[in-house]
Amino acid sequence: MNKFLTGAGCLFLSSLTVAATQVITIPDDGKVMQLSGVVSSKPITKPDGSFKAYYLRLNSELTFNDDSNCGEQTQKTIALNSTEMKKYAGKKVTVSGNVFCQTQYTGNYHIEDIKVVSK
């Protein structure tokens, strides 16, 4: 009986590992998704002054792959391409938007066209 339970437990844990490492394919024009987490900010200094970039600390890390410029990346945070995020700083939210590969500045995945769907 113990061998059966041990075997069943191992199968269950291995299935969780597979589910946790699922890769989300991102097409060239992005993919509309809903993501949840806590909004945080990070001051960034630019030649023309300073501003704060806002990020979503994801509830769980996600792996994205566009099979192109950004490639496969596992991210714990995602940049929020919106000027409206200040009021949500420090708050848990779910956002809907277009996840895409930001090639010009970071080479990471960002989310744009953001709507906060729950606070």
C-alpha atoms as a PDB file:
ATOM      1  CA  MET A   1       0.000   0.000   0.000  1.00  0.00           C
ATOM      2  CA  ASN A   2       2.820   2.420   0.852  1.00  0.00           C
ATOM      3  CA  LYS A   3       4.488   1.760  -2.519  1.00  0.00           C
ATOM      4  CA  PHE A   4       1.211   2.567  -4.265  1.00  0.00           C
ATOM      5  CA  LEU A   5       0.797   5.840  -2.353  1.00  0.00           C
ATOM      6  CA  THR A   6       4.421   6.800  -2.966  1.00  0.00           C
ATOM      7  CA  GLY A   7       4.061   6.092  -6.691  1.00  0.00           C
ATOM      8  CA  ALA A   8       0.796   8.034  -6.903  1.00  0.00           C
ATOM      9  CA  GLY A   9       2.389  10.954  -5.037  1.00  0.00           C
ATOM     10  CA  CYS A  10       5.343  11.037  -7.426  1.00  0.00           C
ATOM     11  CA  LEU A  11       3.042  11.026 -10.464  1.00  0.00           C
ATOM     12  CA  PHE A  12       0.990  13.859  -8.964  1.00  0.00           C
ATOM     13  CA  LEU A  13       4.081  15.978  -8.222  1.00  0.00           C
ATOM     14  CA  SER A  14       5.529  15.403 -11.687  1.00  0.00           C
ATOM     15  CA  SER A  15       2.238  16.507 -13.270  1.00  0.00           C
ATOM     16  CA  LEU A  16       2.377  19.720 -11.220  1.00  0.00           C
ATOM     17  CA  THR A  17       5.904  20.388 -12.481  1.00  0.00           C
ATOM     18  CA  VAL A  18       4.803  19.967 -16.108  1.00  0.00           C
ATOM     19  CA  ALA A  19       1.856  22.329 -15.575  1.00  0.00           C
ATOM     20  CA  ALA A  20       4.071  24.927 -13.888  1.00  0.00           C
ATOM     21  CA  THR A  21       6.490  25.036 -16.826  1.00  0.00           C
ATOM     22  CA  GLN A  22       3.909  25.421 -19.595  1.00  0.00           C
ATOM     23  CA  VAL A  23       5.168  27.862 -22.227  1.00  0.00           C
ATOM     24  CA  ILE A  24       2.775  30.545 -23.474  1.00  0.00           C
ATOM     25  CA  THR A  25       3.290  31.200 -27.192  1.00  0.00           C
ATOM     26  CA  ILE A  26       3.287  34.911 -28.086  1.00  0.00           C
ATOM     27  CA  PRO A  27       2.555  35.714 -31.761  1.00  0.00           C
ATOM     28  CA  ASP A  28       4.236  38.667 -33.516  1.00  0.00           C
ATOM     29  CA  ASP A  29       1.253  40.936 -32.843  1.00  0.00           C
ATOM     30  CA  GLY A  30       0.992  39.874 -29.177  1.00  0.00           C
ATOM     31  CA  LYS A  31      -1.544  37.863 -27.237  1.00  0.00           C
ATOM     32  CA  VAL A  32      -4.483  39.203 -25.196  1.00  0.00           C
ATOM     33  CA  MET A  33      -4.313  37.763 -21.679  1.00  0.00           C
ATOM     34  CA  GLN A  34      -5.505  38.340 -18.136  1.00  0.00           C
ATOM     35  CA  LEU A  35      -2.729  38.466 -15.534  1.00  0.00           C
ATOM     36  CA  SER A  36      -2.927  38.919 -11.756  1.00  0.00           C
ATOM     37  CA  GLY A  37      -0.473  40.250  -9.213  1.00  0.00           C
ATOM     38  CA  VAL A  38       0.593  43.288  -7.216  1.00  0.00           C
ATOM     39  CA  VAL A  39       1.439  46.563  -8.979  1.00  0.00           C
ATOM     40  CA  SER A  40       4.880  47.890  -8.027  1.00  0.00           C
ATOM     41  CA  SER A  41       6.968  50.794  -9.255  1.00  0.00           C
ATOM     42  CA  LYS A  42      10.621  51.331  -9.997  1.00  0.00           C
ATOM     43  CA  PRO A  43      12.214  54.759 -10.507  1.00  0.00           C
ATOM     44  CA  ILE A  44      14.131  54.965 -13.766  1.00  0.00           C
ATOM     45  CA  THR A  45      16.349  57.881 -14.758  1.00  0.00           C
ATOM     46  CA  LYS A  46      16.296  58.884 -18.400  1.00  0.00           C
ATOM     47  CA  PRO A  47      18.369  61.607 -20.094  1.00  0.00           C
ATOM     48  CA  ASP A  48      15.288  63.842 -20.193  1.00  0.00           C
ATOM     49  CA  GLY A  49      14.394  63.343 -16.499  1.00  0.00           C
ATOM     50  CA  SER A  50      13.075  60.676 -14.185  1.00  0.00           C
ATOM     51  CA  PHE A  51       9.882  58.686 -14.229  1.00  0.00           C
ATOM     52  CA  LYS A  52       8.473  55.598 -12.604  1.00  0.00           C
ATOM     53  CA  ALA A  53       7.891  52.415 -14.527  1.00  0.00           C
ATOM     54  CA  TYR A  54       5.128  50.168 -13.206  1.00  0.00           C
ATOM     55  CA  TYR A  55       5.295  46.402 -13.089  1.00  0.00           C
ATOM     56  CA  LEU A  56       2.961  43.597 -12.164  1.00  0.00           C
ATOM     57  CA  ARG A  57       4.552  41.140  -9.708  1.00  0.00           C
ATOM     58  CA  LEU A  58       2.817  38.044 -11.005  1.00  0.00           C
ATOM     59  CA  ASN A  59       1.051  35.626  -8.659  1.00  0.00           C
ATOM     60  CA  SER A  60       3.200  32.896 -10.208  1.00  0.00           C
ATOM     61  CA  GLU A  61       6.003  33.098 -12.729  1.00  0.00           C
ATOM     62  CA  LEU A  62       5.066  32.631 -16.361  1.00  0.00           C
ATOM     63  CA  THR A  63       7.121  31.444 -19.315  1.00  0.00           C
ATOM     64  CA  PHE A  64       6.569  33.227 -22.627  1.00  0.00           C
ATOM     65  CA  ASN A  65       8.053  32.401 -26.040  1.00  0.00           C
ATOM     66  CA  ASP A  66       7.684  34.297 -29.311  1.00  0.00           C
ATOM     67  CA  ASP A  67      10.182  32.070 -31.210  1.00  0.00           C
ATOM     68  CA  SER A  68      11.857  35.323 -32.266  1.00  0.00           C
ATOM     69  CA  ASN A  69      13.555  38.354 -30.665  1.00  0.00           C
ATOM     70  CA  CYS A  70      12.636  37.755 -27.018  1.00  0.00           C
ATOM     71  CA  GLY A  71      12.740  33.965 -27.180  1.00  0.00           C
ATOM     72  CA  GLU A  72      11.730  31.851 -24.200  1.00  0.00           C
ATOM     73  CA  GLN A  73      11.742  33.788 -20.930  1.00  0.00           C
ATOM     74  CA  THR A  74      10.359  33.010 -17.500  1.00  0.00           C
ATOM     75  CA  GLN A  75       9.233  36.201 -15.790  1.00  0.00           C
ATOM     76  CA  LYS A  76       8.161  36.920 -12.216  1.00  0.00           C
ATOM     77  CA  THR A  77       7.193  40.461 -13.205  1.00  0.00           C
ATOM     78  CA  ILE A  78       5.888  42.065 -16.374  1.00  0.00           C
ATOM     79  CA  ALA A  79       6.169  45.740 -17.328  1.00  0.00           C
ATOM     80  CA  LEU A  80       2.840  47.577 -17.515  1.00  0.00           C
ATOM     81  CA  ASN A  81       2.868  49.901 -20.541  1.00  0.00           C
ATOM     82  CA  SER A  82       0.376  52.375 -19.126  1.00  0.00           C
ATOM     83  CA  THR A  83       0.490  55.789 -17.489  1.00  0.00           C
ATOM     84  CA  GLU A  84      -2.572  54.946 -15.372  1.00  0.00           C
ATOM     85  CA  MET A  85      -0.951  52.462 -12.963  1.00  0.00           C
ATOM     86  CA  LYS A  86       0.134  54.885 -10.191  1.00  0.00           C
ATOM     87  CA  LYS A  87      -3.235  54.646  -8.405  1.00  0.00           C
ATOM     88  CA  TYR A  88      -2.861  50.842  -8.198  1.00  0.00           C
ATOM     89  CA  ALA A  89       0.687  50.810  -6.764  1.00  0.00           C
ATOM     90  CA  GLY A  90       0.888  48.301  -3.907  1.00  0.00           C
ATOM     91  CA  LYS A  91      -2.515  46.817  -4.746  1.00  0.00           C
ATOM     92  CA  LYS A  92      -3.403  43.353  -6.015  1.00  0.00           C
ATOM     93  CA  VAL A  93      -5.174  43.580  -9.378  1.00  0.00           C
ATOM     94  CA  THR A  94      -6.101  41.531 -12.410  1.00  0.00           C
ATOM     95  CA  VAL A  95      -5.394  43.232 -15.721  1.00  0.00           C
ATOM     96  CA  SER A  96      -6.368  42.398 -19.263  1.00  0.00           C
ATOM     97  CA  GLY A  97      -4.106  43.456 -22.103  1.00  0.00           C
ATOM     98  CA  ASN A  98      -1.863  42.522 -24.987  1.00  0.00           C
ATOM     99  CA  VAL A  99       1.355  40.694 -24.004  1.00  0.00           C
ATOM    100  CA  PHE A 100       4.140  41.360 -26.507  1.00  0.00           C
ATOM    101  CA  CYS A 101       7.918  41.274 -26.954  1.00  0.00           C
ATOM    102  CA  GLN A 102       9.360  44.754 -26.247  1.00  0.00           C
ATOM    103  CA  THR A 103      12.423  44.771 -28.515  1.00  0.00           C
ATOM    104  CA  GLN A 104      13.344  48.478 -28.452  1.00  0.00           C
ATOM    105  CA  TYR A 105      14.379  48.868 -24.800  1.00  0.00           C
ATOM    106  CA  THR A 106      14.295  45.736 -22.681  1.00  0.00           C
ATOM    107  CA  GLY A 107      14.054  42.584 -24.770  1.00  0.00           C
ATOM    108  CA  ASN A 108      11.445  41.337 -22.275  1.00  0.00           C
ATOM    109  CA  TYR A 109       7.729  40.742 -22.462  1.00  0.00           C
ATOM    110  CA  HIS A 110       5.462  43.674 -21.562  1.00  0.00           C
ATOM    111  CA  ILE A 111       1.697  44.165 -21.467  1.00  0.00           C
ATOM    112  CA  GLU A 112      -0.072  47.062 -23.229  1.00  0.00           C
ATOM    113  CA  ASP A 113      -3.655  48.250 -23.903  1.00  0.00           C
ATOM    114  CA  ILE A 114      -4.305  47.531 -20.239  1.00  0.00           C
ATOM    115  CA  LYS A 115      -7.678  47.446 -18.525  1.00  0.00           C
ATOM    116  CA  VAL A 116      -7.924  46.710 -14.806  1.00  0.00           C
ATOM    117  CA  VAL A 117     -10.657  44.048 -14.592  1.00  0.00           C
ATOM    118  CA  SER A 118     -10.618  43.505 -10.814  1.00  0.00           C
ATOM    119  CA  LYS A 119      -9.119  45.209  -7.780  1.00  0.00           C
END
